């Protein structure tokens, strides 16, 4: 059984299409948990209609009495609803290809078999088709489109996340570790935190084949932009030094919180000093930040991002 955790907030425009793509999966042993974060549109009516249409399916619908007002907050609430061995995160506005669950689960089980134990946190994620609001393909690879690294080494992941939550499946061990991060204040995003757990303590598996249509529209909470395009470069430079530095500081605060929560597990971990010292950079001078990042190869991926890192850090 696989639990699909679907976070909803004012998603009426695309929600039904996403729900039907879940119903059309080749792997049918799933349980869908929908949690609404205070929508003011018809999202819940669509969800309940879907539940009524498929009475034989395990579909549970909840509404947050007190909205979390963030995607990470809603997903962490959803994680408390999970009961299955494997969990997948699901956004309200994408479309899953029919074999998404089947192929992701196959990759997960293959990794667990190779590892020889289920007591290791495993995260499986993959590439995506970038599409417009009408599902016309913009790019057949979000990793190529956004110039994202496929490697998930700890030193690179500390400063830049390349794991997209809506492609993710995590096992029970990772679920249990992720649930311990109940205070999301210093968590950049739930998928970023999950990736750190898997990279530091377990395994991350990347699937090259895109199994999801990642829809781009005006209401995306997180979207994709062509990292080679003039528009992307203009937007980054327009946002400026302050925004870039704030985002880097966020990753350092996240690293500090990570060290606090998993202090016991980190005691004998080879990445302990790297993570601790990266967290301390938030109080360091620019020259010390640059020296640390160069010596530990803690660098963003791509020429433009590297330039901004060292000019604006």
Protein backbone atom coordinates (compact mmCIF):
# COMPACT_ATOMS: atom_id res chain seq x y z
CA UNK A 1 0.00 0.00 0.00
CA UNK A 2 1.17 3.52 -0.86
CA UNK A 3 -0.17 6.67 0.80
CA UNK A 4 -0.56 9.68 -1.51
CA UNK A 5 -0.53 12.94 0.44
CA UNK A 6 -2.28 15.71 -1.48
CA UNK A 7 -2.04 19.27 -0.15
CA UNK A 8 -4.84 21.55 -1.35
CA UNK A 9 -5.36 25.30 -1.25
CA UNK A 10 -7.69 27.05 -3.70
CA UNK A 11 -6.95 24.44 -6.34
CA UNK A 12 -10.31 24.15 -8.09
CA UNK A 13 -8.96 25.01 -11.55
CA UNK A 14 -6.74 21.91 -11.93
CA UNK A 15 -7.60 19.64 -9.01
CA UNK A 16 -10.04 17.34 -10.82
CA UNK A 17 -7.49 16.61 -13.56
CA UNK A 18 -4.88 15.68 -10.98
CA UNK A 19 -7.32 13.45 -9.09
CA UNK A 20 -8.31 11.59 -12.25
CA UNK A 21 -4.65 10.98 -13.09
CA UNK A 22 -4.31 9.26 -9.70
CA UNK A 23 -7.40 7.15 -10.37
CA UNK A 24 -5.85 6.07 -13.71
CA UNK A 25 -2.63 4.68 -12.15
CA UNK A 26 -1.51 1.20 -13.21
CA UNK A 27 -0.71 0.49 -9.54
CA UNK A 28 -4.00 0.58 -7.69
CA UNK A 29 -3.07 -0.31 -4.11
CA UNK A 30 -3.05 3.27 -2.92
CA UNK A 31 -4.68 5.38 -0.24
CA UNK A 32 -5.27 9.05 -0.98
CA UNK A 33 -5.26 11.58 1.85
CA UNK A 34 -6.39 15.10 0.97
CA UNK A 35 -5.89 17.96 3.40
CA UNK A 36 -7.26 21.42 2.66
CA UNK A 37 -5.53 24.47 4.15
CA UNK A 38 -8.48 26.86 4.20
CA UNK A 39 -9.60 27.12 0.58
CA UNK A 40 -12.24 29.70 -0.30
CA UNK A 41 -13.09 28.14 -3.69
CA UNK A 42 -14.76 24.85 -4.68
CA UNK A 43 -11.73 22.63 -4.02
CA UNK A 44 -13.44 20.59 -1.31
CA UNK A 45 -16.57 20.09 -3.41
CA UNK A 46 -14.35 18.65 -6.16
CA UNK A 47 -12.57 16.40 -3.66
CA UNK A 48 -15.82 15.08 -2.19
CA UNK A 49 -17.25 14.48 -5.69
CA UNK A 50 -14.15 12.44 -6.52
CA UNK A 51 -14.53 10.45 -3.31
CA UNK A 52 -18.17 9.74 -4.18
CA UNK A 53 -17.25 8.74 -7.75
CA UNK A 54 -14.78 6.10 -6.51
CA UNK A 55 -16.40 4.62 -3.38
CA UNK A 56 -14.22 1.52 -3.64
CA UNK A 57 -11.06 3.58 -3.21
CA UNK A 58 -9.47 4.60 0.09
CA UNK A 59 -9.90 8.37 0.00
CA UNK A 60 -9.79 10.50 3.14
CA UNK A 61 -10.48 14.24 3.20
CA UNK A 62 -9.57 16.65 5.99
CA UNK A 63 -9.70 20.41 6.49
CA UNK A 64 -7.22 22.20 8.71
CA UNK A 65 -9.24 23.98 11.40
CA UNK A 66 -6.36 26.39 11.75
CA UNK A 67 -4.69 26.88 8.35
CA UNK A 68 -0.93 26.38 8.29
CA UNK A 69 -0.66 29.03 5.55
CA UNK A 70 2.24 27.18 3.91
CA UNK A 71 2.77 24.17 1.67
CA UNK A 72 5.41 22.74 4.01
CA UNK A 73 3.07 23.11 6.99
CA UNK A 74 0.21 21.35 5.23
CA UNK A 75 2.44 18.52 4.02
CA UNK A 76 3.80 17.99 7.53
CA UNK A 77 0.22 17.76 8.80
CA UNK A 78 -0.47 15.22 6.07
CA UNK A 79 2.53 13.21 7.14
CA UNK A 80 0.84 12.65 10.50
CA UNK A 81 -2.09 11.09 8.58
CA UNK A 82 0.16 8.57 6.84
CA UNK A 83 -0.14 4.89 7.82
CA UNK A 84 1.40 3.02 4.87
CA UNK A 85 4.96 1.82 4.45
CA UNK A 86 5.55 4.21 1.55
CA UNK A 87 4.42 7.81 1.10
CA UNK A 88 4.24 10.04 -1.99
CA UNK A 89 3.80 13.82 -1.99
CA UNK A 90 1.27 15.23 -4.44
CA UNK A 91 0.57 18.77 -5.65
CA UNK A 92 -2.91 19.88 -6.67
CA UNK A 93 -2.14 21.23 -10.13
CA UNK A 94 0.02 18.58 -11.83
CA UNK A 95 -0.87 15.44 -13.79
CA UNK A 96 0.64 12.05 -13.01
CA UNK A 97 1.49 9.70 -15.85
CA UNK A 98 -0.21 6.28 -15.48
CA UNK A 99 2.94 4.39 -14.36
CA UNK A 100 4.16 6.95 -11.83
CA UNK A 101 3.39 4.94 -8.69
CA UNK A 102 4.33 1.59 -10.20
CA UNK A 103 7.75 2.67 -11.46
CA UNK A 104 8.61 4.77 -8.40
CA UNK A 105 7.72 1.91 -6.08
CA UNK A 106 9.81 -0.48 -8.16
CA UNK A 107 12.83 1.82 -7.80
CA UNK A 108 12.21 2.11 -4.05
CA UNK A 109 12.02 -1.65 -3.50
CA UNK A 110 15.10 -2.22 -5.66
CA UNK A 111 17.08 0.22 -3.51
CA UNK A 112 15.86 -1.32 -0.26
CA UNK A 113 16.77 -4.77 -1.55
CA UNK A 114 20.29 -3.63 -2.47
CA UNK A 115 20.67 -1.95 0.92
CA UNK A 116 19.60 -5.17 2.63
CA UNK A 117 17.51 -3.46 5.29
CA UNK A 118 14.47 -1.23 5.64
CA UNK A 119 16.08 0.59 8.55
CA UNK A 120 17.74 3.07 6.20
CA UNK A 121 15.89 6.23 5.03
CA UNK A 122 15.34 6.07 1.26
CA UNK A 123 14.01 8.80 -1.02
CA UNK A 124 13.14 8.23 -4.69
CA UNK A 125 12.60 11.23 -6.96
CA UNK A 126 12.82 11.99 -10.66
CA UNK A 127 12.69 14.31 -13.61
CA UNK A 128 9.53 16.06 -14.81
CA UNK A 129 7.91 17.28 -18.00
CA UNK A 130 7.50 21.05 -17.73
CA UNK A 131 4.13 21.95 -19.27
CA UNK A 132 1.96 25.03 -19.65
CA UNK A 133 -1.49 25.36 -18.10
CA UNK A 134 -2.97 23.43 -21.05
CA UNK A 135 -0.45 20.57 -20.56
CA UNK A 136 1.54 21.45 -23.69
CA UNK A 137 5.16 20.47 -23.17
CA UNK A 138 7.60 23.33 -22.60
CA UNK A 139 10.51 21.04 -21.81
CA UNK A 140 10.88 17.26 -21.59
CA UNK A 141 13.32 17.65 -18.66
CA UNK A 142 12.97 20.09 -15.78
CA UNK A 143 16.53 19.27 -14.70
CA UNK A 144 17.85 20.40 -18.06
CA UNK A 145 15.41 23.34 -18.24
CA UNK A 146 16.40 24.69 -14.83
CA UNK A 147 20.01 23.47 -14.97
CA UNK A 148 19.66 21.41 -11.80
CA UNK A 149 22.23 18.90 -10.54
CA UNK A 150 21.19 15.25 -10.53
CA UNK A 151 23.71 14.52 -7.80
CA UNK A 152 22.55 14.84 -4.23
CA UNK A 153 25.85 14.95 -2.36
CA UNK A 154 25.51 16.51 1.08
CA UNK A 155 27.88 19.40 0.35
CA UNK A 156 25.81 20.51 -2.64
CA UNK A 157 22.43 19.77 -1.11
CA UNK A 158 23.20 21.97 1.89
CA UNK A 159 23.08 25.05 -0.32
CA UNK A 160 20.77 24.01 -3.17
CA UNK A 161 17.87 21.56 -3.27
CA UNK A 162 17.35 19.58 -6.48
CA UNK A 163 14.61 17.25 -5.23
CA UNK A 164 11.11 18.19 -6.40
CA UNK A 165 8.51 17.16 -3.84
CA UNK A 166 5.77 16.10 -6.25
CA UNK A 167 8.07 13.38 -7.65
CA UNK A 168 9.06 12.01 -4.25
CA UNK A 169 8.41 8.69 -2.54
CA UNK A 170 9.84 8.03 0.92
CA UNK A 171 9.98 4.86 2.98
CA UNK A 172 8.85 4.32 6.59
CA UNK A 173 12.24 5.03 8.12
CA UNK A 174 12.42 8.41 6.39
CA UNK A 175 8.80 9.18 7.36
CA UNK A 176 9.60 8.61 11.01
CA UNK A 177 12.68 10.83 10.88
CA UNK A 178 10.88 13.57 8.96
CA UNK A 179 8.00 13.63 11.47
CA UNK A 180 10.46 14.63 14.18
CA UNK A 181 10.82 18.03 12.48
CA UNK A 182 7.50 19.18 13.89
CA UNK A 183 8.56 22.83 14.10
CA UNK A 184 8.80 23.97 10.48
CA UNK A 185 10.08 27.48 11.26
CA UNK A 186 13.63 26.81 10.05
CA UNK A 187 12.64 24.23 7.42
CA UNK A 188 13.02 25.68 3.92
CA UNK A 189 10.62 23.10 2.44
CA UNK A 190 9.47 19.61 3.43
CA UNK A 191 11.00 18.00 0.32
CA UNK A 192 14.33 19.77 0.93
CA UNK A 193 14.43 18.51 4.53
CA UNK A 194 13.51 14.97 3.44
CA UNK A 195 16.31 15.05 0.87
CA UNK A 196 18.81 16.09 3.55
CA UNK A 197 17.78 13.17 5.76
CA UNK A 198 18.20 10.70 2.91
CA UNK A 199 21.51 12.18 1.76
CA UNK A 200 23.06 12.35 5.23
CA UNK A 201 21.74 9.10 6.70
CA UNK A 202 20.49 6.97 3.81
CA UNK A 203 20.01 6.77 0.07
CA UNK A 204 18.59 8.95 -2.71
CA UNK A 205 17.52 7.37 -5.99
CA UNK A 206 17.04 9.48 -9.12
CA UNK A 207 14.75 8.33 -11.94
CA UNK A 208 15.62 9.80 -15.34
CA UNK A 209 12.24 9.09 -16.93
CA UNK A 210 9.74 11.91 -16.26
CA UNK A 211 6.56 10.53 -14.71
CA UNK A 212 4.72 13.76 -14.07
CA UNK A 213 3.53 16.80 -15.99
CA UNK A 214 4.63 19.78 -13.91
CA UNK A 215 2.17 22.51 -14.77
CA UNK A 216 3.30 26.14 -14.97
CA UNK A 217 0.71 28.83 -14.39
CA UNK A 218 0.30 32.17 -12.65
CA UNK A 219 -0.66 30.67 -9.28
CA UNK A 220 2.28 28.27 -8.77
CA UNK A 221 3.66 28.43 -5.23
CA UNK A 222 6.88 27.05 -6.72
CA UNK A 223 7.50 27.16 -10.45
CA UNK A 224 10.11 26.36 -13.07
CA UNK A 225 11.95 28.89 -15.22
CA UNK A 226 14.39 28.34 -18.07
CA UNK A 227 17.74 28.83 -16.34
CA UNK A 228 19.36 29.64 -19.71
CA UNK A 229 16.85 32.32 -20.59
CA UNK A 230 17.17 36.09 -20.38
CA UNK A 231 13.98 36.22 -18.32
CA UNK A 232 15.50 33.97 -15.65
CA UNK A 233 18.72 35.99 -15.46
CA UNK A 234 16.80 39.26 -15.33
CA UNK A 235 14.49 38.00 -12.58
CA UNK A 236 17.39 36.80 -10.43
CA UNK A 237 19.36 40.02 -10.76
CA UNK A 238 16.21 42.09 -10.27
CA UNK A 239 15.46 40.21 -7.05
CA UNK A 240 18.91 41.29 -6.02
CA UNK A 241 21.49 40.66 -3.37
CA UNK A 242 19.15 40.84 -0.39
CA UNK A 243 16.80 38.10 -1.58
CA UNK A 244 19.69 35.86 -2.65
CA UNK A 245 21.49 36.33 0.66
CA UNK A 246 18.28 35.70 2.61
CA UNK A 247 17.77 32.41 0.79
CA UNK A 248 21.32 31.34 1.55
CA UNK A 249 20.82 32.30 5.20
CA UNK A 250 17.67 30.18 5.22
CA UNK A 251 19.71 27.12 4.21
CA UNK A 252 22.16 27.82 7.04
CA UNK A 253 19.37 28.14 9.60
CA UNK A 254 17.91 24.91 8.24
CA UNK A 255 21.27 23.18 8.70
CA UNK A 256 21.41 24.38 12.31
CA UNK A 257 17.92 23.07 13.05
CA UNK A 258 18.80 19.80 11.34
CA UNK A 259 21.82 19.37 13.63
CA UNK A 260 19.65 19.99 16.67
CA UNK A 261 16.94 17.48 15.80
CA UNK A 262 19.27 14.68 14.68
CA UNK A 263 22.09 15.32 17.16
CA UNK A 264 22.19 11.69 18.30
CA UNK A 265 22.30 10.22 14.78
CA UNK A 266 24.96 12.72 13.74
CA UNK A 267 27.39 11.79 16.53
CA UNK A 268 29.19 9.17 14.44
CA UNK A 269 28.19 10.54 11.04
CA UNK A 270 30.99 11.63 8.66
CA UNK A 271 28.97 14.70 7.59
CA UNK A 272 28.54 16.08 11.12
CA UNK A 273 31.29 18.73 11.02
CA UNK A 274 30.38 19.89 7.51
CA UNK A 275 26.74 20.51 8.44
CA UNK A 276 27.58 22.14 11.78
CA UNK A 277 30.15 24.46 10.23
CA UNK A 278 27.83 25.39 7.37
CA UNK A 279 25.17 26.37 9.91
CA UNK A 280 27.68 28.63 11.69
CA UNK A 281 28.41 30.55 8.47
CA UNK A 282 25.33 32.69 9.01
CA UNK A 283 27.36 34.73 11.52
CA UNK A 284 30.58 34.72 9.48
CA UNK A 285 32.17 37.40 7.35
CA UNK A 286 31.88 37.17 3.57
CA UNK A 287 35.50 36.13 3.11
CA UNK A 288 35.07 33.24 5.57
CA UNK A 289 31.93 32.09 3.76
CA UNK A 290 33.74 32.09 0.44
CA UNK A 291 36.75 30.20 1.83
CA UNK A 292 34.52 27.58 3.49
CA UNK A 293 32.41 27.03 0.37
CA UNK A 294 35.46 26.72 -1.87
CA UNK A 295 37.34 24.34 0.41
CA UNK A 296 34.29 22.12 0.99
CA UNK A 297 32.84 22.43 -2.53
CA UNK A 298 29.61 23.83 -1.10
CA UNK A 299 28.59 25.53 -4.32
CA UNK A 300 25.45 26.11 -6.29
CA UNK A 301 25.10 24.43 -9.66
CA UNK A 302 25.51 26.53 -12.80
CA UNK A 303 27.73 29.47 -13.68
CA UNK A 304 25.15 32.20 -13.00
CA UNK A 305 24.26 30.76 -9.59
CA UNK A 306 27.95 30.41 -8.65
CA UNK A 307 28.65 34.02 -9.62
CA UNK A 308 25.75 35.24 -7.49
CA UNK A 309 26.85 33.01 -4.62
CA UNK A 310 30.33 34.47 -4.43
CA UNK A 311 29.46 38.07 -5.33
CA UNK A 312 26.40 38.35 -3.09
CA UNK A 313 27.13 35.92 -0.25
